[in-house]
Structures are given as C-alpha cells and as structure tokens.
Amino acid sequence: MRLTVPSARRDRDPDRSAGPGAAAAMPELTDKADRPPFTLTVSPAFRPAGWYSWLICRDGRPYQRGERSFPTEQKARADGAAAIDRLLR
C-alpha cells in the first residue's frame, strides 16, 4: 500500500488543488487602473465605546488610520473621505 502526501506548494496553488474546473470559477482580475486606489472602512472604536474610527487601505493593505474617534459613523466617514481627498491631491 502506497500513501501519497500532496506537497505544500500544490495546496497553495488554487488551480491545482481545486480541480480542473477551478480556473473557470475564479473571477477575472481587473486592471489596476479600473480599481479605486484607496478604500475607506469605518468601524466601531474600542475606546470609547459607541464611537467610530476609520481605516484607509491601499491595494488591500492598511495605509492610514484615523487618529481620533468620532461620535457617529457619518462623522467618521466624512473625516476619512477628507483624508482620502488629501491623499489624492
């Protein structure tokens, strides 16, 4: 009886590990020019409770975080949008 163990490299490659139809199911990657350069995420702050903070990501990685918390989600979103505008100038 012979046991085979798949290599770690094969497990990381989605085209090999998912089977022959995996490539067709993968979404097409868009050109970088089509994607917005920054994304804004607003989330509840840890302290103080009930307040909100924002995070700007560039290509999916954290790029800039707000230094202060805001009492409403709308105020946090407005401040984050202003920070993006400053980055784009």
PDB file of N, CA and C in Angstrom:
ATOM      1  N   MET A   1       0.839  -1.174   0.000  1.00  0.00           N
ATOM      2  CA  MET A   1       0.000   0.000   0.000  1.00  0.00           C
ATOM      3  C   MET A   1       0.887   1.242   0.000  1.00  0.00           C
ATOM      4  N   ARG A   2       0.579   2.163  -0.904  1.00  0.00           N
ATOM      5  CA  ARG A   2       1.407   3.350  -1.044  1.00  0.00           C
ATOM      6  C   ARG A   2       0.573   4.582  -0.723  1.00  0.00           C
ATOM      7  N   LEU A   3       1.063   5.414   0.172  1.00  0.00           N
ATOM      8  CA  LEU A   3       0.387   6.652   0.540  1.00  0.00           C
ATOM      9  C   LEU A   3       1.126   7.819  -0.089  1.00  0.00           C
ATOM     10  N   THR A   4       0.358   8.736  -0.643  1.00  0.00           N
ATOM     11  CA  THR A   4       0.981   9.934  -1.198  1.00  0.00           C
ATOM     12  C   THR A   4       0.481  11.142  -0.424  1.00  0.00           C
ATOM     13  N   VAL A   5       1.376  12.047  -0.176  1.00  0.00           N
ATOM     14  CA  VAL A   5       1.044  13.275   0.534  1.00  0.00           C
ATOM     15  C   VAL A   5       1.230  14.422  -0.441  1.00  0.00           C
ATOM     16  N   PRO A   6       0.177  15.226  -0.660  1.00  0.00           N
ATOM     17  CA  PRO A   6       0.350  16.349  -1.586  1.00  0.00           C
ATOM     18  C   PRO A   6       1.351  17.347  -1.026  1.00  0.00           C
ATOM     19  N   SER A   7       2.109  17.930  -1.919  1.00  0.00           N
ATOM     20  CA  SER A   7       3.100  18.900  -1.465  1.00  0.00           C
ATOM     21  C   SER A   7       2.408  20.172  -1.011  1.00  0.00           C
ATOM     22  N   ALA A   8       3.076  20.920  -0.159  1.00  0.00           N
ATOM     23  CA  ALA A   8       2.518  22.178   0.340  1.00  0.00           C
ATOM     24  C   ALA A   8       2.364  23.175  -0.802  1.00  0.00           C
ATOM     25  N   ARG A   9       3.246  23.130  -1.757  1.00  0.00           N
ATOM     26  CA  ARG A   9       3.179  24.058  -2.881  1.00  0.00           C
ATOM     27  C   ARG A   9       1.914  23.817  -3.700  1.00  0.00           C
ATOM     28  N   ARG A  10       1.554  22.581  -3.912  1.00  0.00           N
ATOM     29  CA  ARG A  10       0.359  22.260  -4.669  1.00  0.00           C
ATOM     30  C   ARG A  10      -0.891  22.708  -3.924  1.00  0.00           C
ATOM     31  N   ASP A  11      -0.896  22.620  -2.590  1.00  0.00           N
ATOM     32  CA  ASP A  11      -2.060  23.038  -1.814  1.00  0.00           C
ATOM     33  C   ASP A  11      -2.282  24.543  -1.893  1.00  0.00           C
ATOM     34  N   ARG A  12      -1.221  25.304  -2.066  1.00  0.00           N
ATOM     35  CA  ARG A  12      -1.360  26.752  -2.121  1.00  0.00           C
ATOM     36  C   ARG A  12      -1.799  27.241  -3.497  1.00  0.00           C
ATOM     37  N   ASP A  13      -1.600  26.457  -4.521  1.00  0.00           N
ATOM     38  CA  ASP A  13      -1.954  26.862  -5.879  1.00  0.00           C
ATOM     39  C   ASP A  13      -3.427  26.532  -6.123  1.00  0.00           C
ATOM     40  N   PRO A  14      -4.316  27.535  -6.255  1.00  0.00           N
ATOM     41  CA  PRO A  14      -5.744  27.257  -6.378  1.00  0.00           C
ATOM     42  C   PRO A  14      -6.103  26.502  -7.642  1.00  0.00           C
ATOM     43  N   ASP A  15      -5.327  26.660  -8.719  1.00  0.00           N
ATOM     44  CA  ASP A  15      -5.644  25.951  -9.955  1.00  0.00           C
ATOM     45  C   ASP A  15      -5.386  24.456  -9.823  1.00  0.00           C
ATOM     46  N   ARG A  16      -4.408  24.057  -9.039  1.00  0.00           N
ATOM     47  CA  ARG A  16      -4.090  22.640  -8.895  1.00  0.00           C
ATOM     48  C   ARG A  16      -4.913  21.958  -7.816  1.00  0.00           C
ATOM     49  N   SER A  17      -5.163  22.630  -6.705  1.00  0.00           N
ATOM     50  CA  SER A  17      -5.802  21.961  -5.580  1.00  0.00           C
ATOM     51  C   SER A  17      -7.309  21.849  -5.736  1.00  0.00           C
ATOM     52  N   ALA A  18      -7.941  22.729  -6.499  1.00  0.00           N
ATOM     53  CA  ALA A  18      -9.395  22.721  -6.594  1.00  0.00           C
ATOM     54  C   ALA A  18      -9.903  21.849  -7.721  1.00  0.00           C
ATOM     55  N   GLY A  19      -9.059  21.393  -8.611  1.00  0.00           N
ATOM     56  CA  GLY A  19      -9.513  20.524  -9.680  1.00  0.00           C
ATOM     57  C   GLY A  19      -9.493  21.230 -11.029  1.00  0.00           C
ATOM     58  N   PRO A  20      -9.913  20.505 -12.073  1.00  0.00           N
ATOM     59  CA  PRO A  20      -9.793  21.057 -13.411  1.00  0.00           C
ATOM     60  C   PRO A  20     -10.702  22.245 -13.694  1.00  0.00           C
ATOM     61  N   GLY A  21     -11.837  22.360 -13.038  1.00  0.00           N
ATOM     62  CA  GLY A  21     -12.763  23.462 -13.307  1.00  0.00           C
ATOM     63  C   GLY A  21     -12.516  24.699 -12.472  1.00  0.00           C
ATOM     64  N   ALA A  22     -11.466  24.715 -11.674  1.00  0.00           N
ATOM     65  CA  ALA A  22     -11.243  25.824 -10.748  1.00  0.00           C
ATOM     66  C   ALA A  22     -10.896  27.119 -11.468  1.00  0.00           C
ATOM     67  N   ALA A  23     -10.161  27.045 -12.535  1.00  0.00           N
ATOM     68  CA  ALA A  23      -9.753  28.267 -13.233  1.00  0.00           C
ATOM     69  C   ALA A  23     -10.961  28.985 -13.826  1.00  0.00           C
ATOM     70  N   ALA A  24     -11.944  28.257 -14.280  1.00  0.00           N
ATOM     71  CA  ALA A  24     -13.139  28.881 -14.850  1.00  0.00           C
ATOM     72  C   ALA A  24     -13.984  29.559 -13.776  1.00  0.00           C
ATOM     73  N   ALA A  25     -13.934  29.068 -12.553  1.00  0.00           N
ATOM     74  CA  ALA A  25     -14.744  29.625 -11.477  1.00  0.00           C
ATOM     75  C   ALA A  25     -14.102  30.857 -10.845  1.00  0.00           C
ATOM     76  N   MET A  26     -12.810  31.066 -11.070  1.00  0.00           N
ATOM     77  CA  MET A  26     -12.116  32.203 -10.475  1.00  0.00           C
ATOM     78  C   MET A  26     -12.555  33.481 -11.176  1.00  0.00           C
ATOM     79  N   PRO A  27     -12.821  34.567 -10.421  1.00  0.00           N
ATOM     80  CA  PRO A  27     -13.197  35.821 -11.078  1.00  0.00           C
ATOM     81  C   PRO A  27     -12.005  36.417 -11.811  1.00  0.00           C
ATOM     82  N   GLU A  28     -12.293  37.129 -12.878  1.00  0.00           N
ATOM     83  CA  GLU A  28     -11.216  37.759 -13.631  1.00  0.00           C
ATOM     84  C   GLU A  28     -10.662  38.941 -12.854  1.00  0.00           C
ATOM     85  N   LEU A  29      -9.358  39.074 -12.871  1.00  0.00           N
ATOM     86  CA  LEU A  29      -8.726  40.199 -12.201  1.00  0.00           C
ATOM     87  C   LEU A  29      -8.866  41.428 -13.088  1.00  0.00           C
ATOM     88  N   THR A  30      -9.207  42.532 -12.469  1.00  0.00           N
ATOM     89  CA  THR A  30      -9.348  43.760 -13.233  1.00  0.00           C
ATOM     90  C   THR A  30      -8.020  44.489 -13.279  1.00  0.00           C
ATOM     91  N   ASP A  31      -7.896  45.373 -14.206  1.00  0.00           N
ATOM     92  CA  ASP A  31      -6.704  46.182 -14.335  1.00  0.00           C
ATOM     93  C   ASP A  31      -6.605  47.118 -13.140  1.00  0.00           C
ATOM     94  N   LYS A  32      -5.401  47.406 -12.664  1.00  0.00           N
ATOM     95  CA  LYS A  32      -5.233  48.284 -11.508  1.00  0.00           C
ATOM     96  C   LYS A  32      -5.804  49.672 -11.761  1.00  0.00           C
ATOM     97  N   ALA A  33      -5.829  50.111 -12.998  1.00  0.00           N
ATOM     98  CA  ALA A  33      -6.362  51.434 -13.314  1.00  0.00           C
ATOM     99  C   ALA A  33      -7.870  51.484 -13.099  1.00  0.00           C
ATOM    100  N   ASP A  34      -8.553  50.332 -13.190  1.00  0.00           N
ATOM    101  CA  ASP A  34     -10.004  50.288 -13.001  1.00  0.00           C
ATOM    102  C   ASP A  34     -10.407  50.332 -11.534  1.00  0.00           C
ATOM    103  N   ARG A  35      -9.510  49.917 -10.647  1.00  0.00           N
ATOM    104  CA  ARG A  35      -9.830  49.869  -9.223  1.00  0.00           C
ATOM    105  C   ARG A  35      -9.551  51.204  -8.564  1.00  0.00           C
ATOM    106  N   PRO A  36     -10.343  51.565  -7.540  1.00  0.00           N
ATOM    107  CA  PRO A  36     -10.008  52.793  -6.805  1.00  0.00           C
ATOM    108  C   PRO A  36      -8.707  52.577  -6.032  1.00  0.00           C
ATOM    109  N   PRO A  37      -7.884  53.614  -5.929  1.00  0.00           N
ATOM    110  CA  PRO A  37      -6.589  53.436  -5.263  1.00  0.00           C
ATOM    111  C   PRO A  37      -6.715  53.224  -3.753  1.00  0.00           C
ATOM    112  N   PHE A  38      -7.762  53.771  -3.142  1.00  0.00           N
ATOM    113  CA  PHE A  38      -7.930  53.651  -1.703  1.00  0.00           C
ATOM    114  C   PHE A  38      -9.340  53.182  -1.376  1.00  0.00           C
ATOM    115  N   THR A  39      -9.469  52.425  -0.291  1.00  0.00           N
ATOM    116  CA  THR A  39     -10.788  52.053   0.223  1.00  0.00           C
ATOM    117  C   THR A  39     -10.894  52.535   1.661  1.00  0.00           C
ATOM    118  N   LEU A  40     -12.081  52.970   2.037  1.00  0.00           N
ATOM    119  CA  LEU A  40     -12.325  53.510   3.374  1.00  0.00           C
ATOM    120  C   LEU A  40     -13.208  52.537   4.144  1.00  0.00           C
ATOM    121  N   THR A  41     -12.783  52.182   5.353  1.00  0.00           N
ATOM    122  CA  THR A  41     -13.562  51.312   6.220  1.00  0.00           C
ATOM    123  C   THR A  41     -13.824  52.038   7.526  1.00  0.00           C
ATOM    124  N   VAL A  42     -15.095  52.109   7.921  1.00  0.00           N
ATOM    125  CA  VAL A  42     -15.473  52.726   9.193  1.00  0.00           C
ATOM    126  C   VAL A  42     -15.951  51.613  10.109  1.00  0.00           C
ATOM    127  N   SER A  43     -15.430  51.585  11.337  1.00  0.00           N
ATOM    128  CA  SER A  43     -15.796  50.530  12.281  1.00  0.00           C
ATOM    129  C   SER A  43     -15.915  51.101  13.690  1.00  0.00           C
ATOM    130  N   PRO A  44     -16.630  50.395  14.567  1.00  0.00           N
ATOM    131  CA  PRO A  44     -16.728  50.857  15.955  1.00  0.00           C
ATOM    132  C   PRO A  44     -15.351  50.890  16.612  1.00  0.00           C
ATOM    133  N   ALA A  45     -15.097  51.929  17.368  1.00  0.00           N
ATOM    134  CA  ALA A  45     -13.826  52.069  18.076  1.00  0.00           C
ATOM    135  C   ALA A  45     -13.847  51.227  19.350  1.00  0.00           C
ATOM    136  N   PHE A  46     -12.659  50.812  19.794  1.00  0.00           N
ATOM    137  CA  PHE A  46     -12.580  50.048  21.039  1.00  0.00           C
ATOM    138  C   PHE A  46     -12.831  50.951  22.244  1.00  0.00           C
ATOM    139  N   ARG A  47     -12.229  52.135  22.195  1.00  0.00           N
ATOM    140  CA  ARG A  47     -12.429  53.101  23.277  1.00  0.00           C
ATOM    141  C   ARG A  47     -12.592  54.460  22.667  1.00  0.00           C
ATOM    142  N   PRO A  48     -13.474  55.266  23.027  1.00  0.00           N
ATOM    143  CA  PRO A  48     -14.593  54.993  23.927  1.00  0.00           C
ATOM    144  C   PRO A  48     -15.672  54.175  23.212  1.00  0.00           C
ATOM    145  N   ALA A  49     -16.391  53.405  23.969  1.00  0.00           N
ATOM    146  CA  ALA A  49     -17.441  52.550  23.419  1.00  0.00           C
ATOM    147  C   ALA A  49     -18.527  53.417  22.785  1.00  0.00           C
ATOM    148  N   GLY A  50     -19.062  52.959  21.651  1.00  0.00           N
ATOM    149  CA  GLY A  50     -20.107  53.688  20.967  1.00  0.00           C
ATOM    150  C   GLY A  50     -19.597  54.731  19.991  1.00  0.00           C
ATOM    151  N   TRP A  51     -18.299  54.877  19.853  1.00  0.00           N
ATOM    152  CA  TRP A  51     -17.718  55.824  18.917  1.00  0.00           C
ATOM    153  C   TRP A  51     -17.167  55.055  17.718  1.00  0.00           C
ATOM    154  N   TYR A  52     -16.744  55.781  16.680  1.00  0.00           N
ATOM    155  CA  TYR A  52     -16.306  55.148  15.434  1.00  0.00           C
ATOM    156  C   TYR A  52     -14.947  55.679  14.997  1.00  0.00           C
ATOM    157  N   SER A  53     -14.206  54.826  14.292  1.00  0.00           N
ATOM    158  CA  SER A  53     -12.918  55.217  13.725  1.00  0.00           C
ATOM    159  C   SER A  53     -12.870  54.729  12.282  1.00  0.00           C
ATOM    160  N   TRP A  54     -11.881  55.205  11.530  1.00  0.00           N
ATOM    161  CA  TRP A  54     -11.772  54.821  10.128  1.00  0.00           C
ATOM    162  C   TRP A  54     -10.383  54.307   9.805  1.00  0.00           C
ATOM    163  N   LEU A  55     -10.312  53.558   8.692  1.00  0.00           N
ATOM    164  CA  LEU A  55      -9.066  52.983   8.199  1.00  0.00           C
ATOM    165  C   LEU A  55      -9.065  53.101   6.685  1.00  0.00           C
ATOM    166  N   ILE A  56      -7.965  53.578   6.119  1.00  0.00           N
ATOM    167  CA  ILE A  56      -7.801  53.649   4.668  1.00  0.00           C
ATOM    168  C   ILE A  56      -6.854  52.533   4.263  1.00  0.00           C
ATOM    169  N   CYS A  57      -7.274  51.748   3.264  1.00  0.00           N
ATOM    170  CA  CYS A  57      -6.434  50.680   2.731  1.00  0.00           C
ATOM    171  C   CYS A  57      -6.049  51.004   1.301  1.00  0.00           C
ATOM    172  N   ARG A  58      -4.842  50.642   0.951  1.00  0.00           N
ATOM    173  CA  ARG A  58      -4.346  50.804  -0.419  1.00  0.00           C
ATOM    174  C   ARG A  58      -3.961  49.428  -0.925  1.00  0.00           C
ATOM    175  N   ASP A  59      -4.612  48.993  -1.990  1.00  0.00           N
ATOM    176  CA  ASP A  59      -4.408  47.655  -2.548  1.00  0.00           C
ATOM    177  C   ASP A  59      -4.629  46.567  -1.490  1.00  0.00           C
ATOM    178  N   GLY A  60      -5.616  46.771  -0.635  1.00  0.00           N
ATOM    179  CA  GLY A  60      -5.977  45.766   0.356  1.00  0.00           C
ATOM    180  C   GLY A  60      -5.144  45.765   1.624  1.00  0.00           C
ATOM    181  N   ARG A  61      -4.185  46.650   1.726  1.00  0.00           N
ATOM    182  CA  ARG A  61      -3.324  46.703   2.919  1.00  0.00           C
ATOM    183  C   ARG A  61      -3.558  48.008   3.662  1.00  0.00           C
ATOM    184  N   PRO A  62      -3.527  47.970   4.992  1.00  0.00           N
ATOM    185  CA  PRO A  62      -3.721  49.219   5.749  1.00  0.00           C
ATOM    186  C   PRO A  62      -2.690  50.269   5.349  1.00  0.00           C
ATOM    187  N   TYR A  63      -3.194  51.483   5.117  1.00  0.00           N
ATOM    188  CA  TYR A  63      -2.325  52.571   4.672  1.00  0.00           C
ATOM    189  C   TYR A  63      -2.324  53.722   5.665  1.00  0.00           C
ATOM    190  N   GLN A  64      -3.512  54.081   6.175  1.00  0.00           N
ATOM    191  CA  GLN A  64      -3.612  55.181   7.142  1.00  0.00           C
ATOM    192  C   GLN A  64      -4.815  54.930   8.041  1.00  0.00           C
ATOM    193  N   ARG A  65      -4.639  55.196   9.328  1.00  0.00           N
ATOM    194  CA  ARG A  65      -5.703  55.026  10.319  1.00  0.00           C
ATOM    195  C   ARG A  65      -6.000  56.383  10.947  1.00  0.00           C
ATOM    196  N   GLY A  66      -7.277  56.629  11.215  1.00  0.00           N
ATOM    197  CA  GLY A  66      -7.661  57.874  11.863  1.00  0.00           C
ATOM    198  C   GLY A  66      -7.075  57.968  13.264  1.00  0.00           C
ATOM    199  N   GLU A  67      -6.643  59.156  13.654  1.00  0.00           N
ATOM    200  CA  GLU A  67      -6.008  59.342  14.959  1.00  0.00           C
ATOM    201  C   GLU A  67      -7.015  59.509  16.089  1.00  0.00           C
ATOM    202  N   ARG A  68      -8.255  59.844  15.756  1.00  0.00           N
ATOM    203  CA  ARG A  68      -9.234  60.064  16.806  1.00  0.00           C
ATOM    204  C   ARG A  68     -10.523  59.331  16.479  1.00  0.00           C
ATOM    205  N   SER A  69     -11.385  59.216  17.470  1.00  0.00           N
ATOM    206  CA  SER A  69     -12.692  58.574  17.306  1.00  0.00           C
ATOM    207  C   SER A  69     -13.764  59.646  17.138  1.00  0.00           C
ATOM    208  N   PHE A  70     -14.883  59.256  16.537  1.00  0.00           N
ATOM    209  CA  PHE A  70     -15.977  60.175  16.256  1.00  0.00           C
ATOM    210  C   PHE A  70     -17.269  59.632  16.863  1.00  0.00           C
ATOM    211  N   PRO A  71     -18.175  60.534  17.295  1.00  0.00           N
ATOM    212  CA  PRO A  71     -19.391  60.083  17.974  1.00  0.00           C
ATOM    213  C   PRO A  71     -20.391  59.391  17.053  1.00  0.00           C
ATOM    214  N   THR A  72     -20.333  59.651  15.747  1.00  0.00           N
ATOM    215  CA  THR A  72     -21.252  58.992  14.818  1.00  0.00           C
ATOM    216  C   THR A  72     -20.468  58.394  13.645  1.00  0.00           C
ATOM    217  N   GLU A  73     -21.064  57.411  13.017  1.00  0.00           N
ATOM    218  CA  GLU A  73     -20.438  56.774  11.866  1.00  0.00           C
ATOM    219  C   GLU A  73     -20.324  57.754  10.700  1.00  0.00           C
ATOM    220  N   GLN A  74     -21.308  58.639  10.544  1.00  0.00           N
ATOM    221  CA  GLN A  74     -21.288  59.609   9.458  1.00  0.00           C
ATOM    222  C   GLN A  74     -20.124  60.585   9.593  1.00  0.00           C
ATOM    223  N   LYS A  75     -19.851  61.032  10.819  1.00  0.00           N
ATOM    224  CA  LYS A  75     -18.729  61.957  11.030  1.00  0.00           C
ATOM    225  C   LYS A  75     -17.396  61.267  10.770  1.00  0.00           C
ATOM    226  N   ALA A  76     -17.288  60.005  11.172  1.00  0.00           N
ATOM    227  CA  ALA A  76     -16.061  59.254  10.912  1.00  0.00           C
ATOM    228  C   ALA A  76     -15.873  59.057   9.416  1.00  0.00           C
ATOM    229  N   ARG A  77     -16.957  58.727   8.697  1.00  0.00           N
ATOM    230  CA  ARG A  77     -16.877  58.536   7.247  1.00  0.00           C
ATOM    231  C   ARG A  77     -16.492  59.844   6.543  1.00  0.00           C
ATOM    232  N   ALA A  78     -17.049  60.971   6.985  1.00  0.00           N
ATOM    233  CA  ALA A  78     -16.727  62.263   6.381  1.00  0.00           C
ATOM    234  C   ALA A  78     -15.255  62.613   6.603  1.00  0.00           C
ATOM    235  N   ASP A  79     -14.729  62.357   7.799  1.00  0.00           N
ATOM    236  CA  ASP A  79     -13.327  62.654   8.078  1.00  0.00           C
ATOM    237  C   ASP A  79     -12.411  61.736   7.270  1.00  0.00           C
ATOM    238  N   GLY A  80     -12.776  60.452   7.141  1.00  0.00           N
ATOM    239  CA  GLY A  80     -11.986  59.524   6.332  1.00  0.00           C
ATOM    240  C   GLY A  80     -11.995  59.909   4.860  1.00  0.00           C
ATOM    241  N   ALA A  81     -13.156  60.353   4.362  1.00  0.00           N
ATOM    242  CA  ALA A  81     -13.246  60.790   2.968  1.00  0.00           C
ATOM    243  C   ALA A  81     -12.386  62.037   2.742  1.00  0.00           C
ATOM    244  N   ALA A  82     -12.349  62.942   3.707  1.00  0.00           N
ATOM    245  CA  ALA A  82     -11.499  64.124   3.596  1.00  0.00           C
ATOM    246  C   ALA A  82     -10.018  63.723   3.578  1.00  0.00           C
ATOM    247  N   ALA A  83      -9.659  62.701   4.349  1.00  0.00           N
ATOM    248  CA  ALA A  83      -8.275  62.220   4.350  1.00  0.00           C
ATOM    249  C   ALA A  83      -7.915  61.622   2.994  1.00  0.00           C
ATOM    250  N   ILE A  84      -8.836  60.912   2.366  1.00  0.00           N
ATOM    251  CA  ILE A  84      -8.590  60.367   1.032  1.00  0.00           C
ATOM    252  C   ILE A  84      -8.418  61.498   0.025  1.00  0.00           C
ATOM    253  N   ASP A  85      -9.242  62.527   0.134  1.00  0.00           N
ATOM    254  CA  ASP A  85      -9.106  63.677  -0.760  1.00  0.00           C
ATOM    255  C   ASP A  85      -7.731  64.321  -0.613  1.00  0.00           C
ATOM    256  N   ARG A  86      -7.239  64.422   0.612  1.00  0.00           N
ATOM    257  CA  ARG A  86      -5.898  64.990   0.836  1.00  0.00           C
ATOM    258  C   ARG A  86      -4.829  64.105   0.211  1.00  0.00           C
ATOM    259  N   LEU A  87      -5.023  62.783   0.274  1.00  0.00           N
ATOM    260  CA  LEU A  87      -4.040  61.872  -0.305  1.00  0.00           C
ATOM    261  C   LEU A  87      -4.022  61.945  -1.828  1.00  0.00           C
ATOM    262  N   LEU A  88      -5.163  62.191  -2.430  1.00  0.00           N
ATOM    263  CA  LEU A  88      -5.259  62.223  -3.884  1.00  0.00           C
ATOM    264  C   LEU A  88      -4.775  63.538  -4.490  1.00  0.00           C
ATOM    265  N   ARG A  89      -4.625  64.585  -3.693  1.00  0.00           N
ATOM    266  CA  ARG A  89      -4.138  65.867  -4.225  1.00  0.00           C
ATOM    267  C   ARG A  89      -2.663  65.842  -4.450  1.00  0.00           C
TER     268      ARG A  89
END
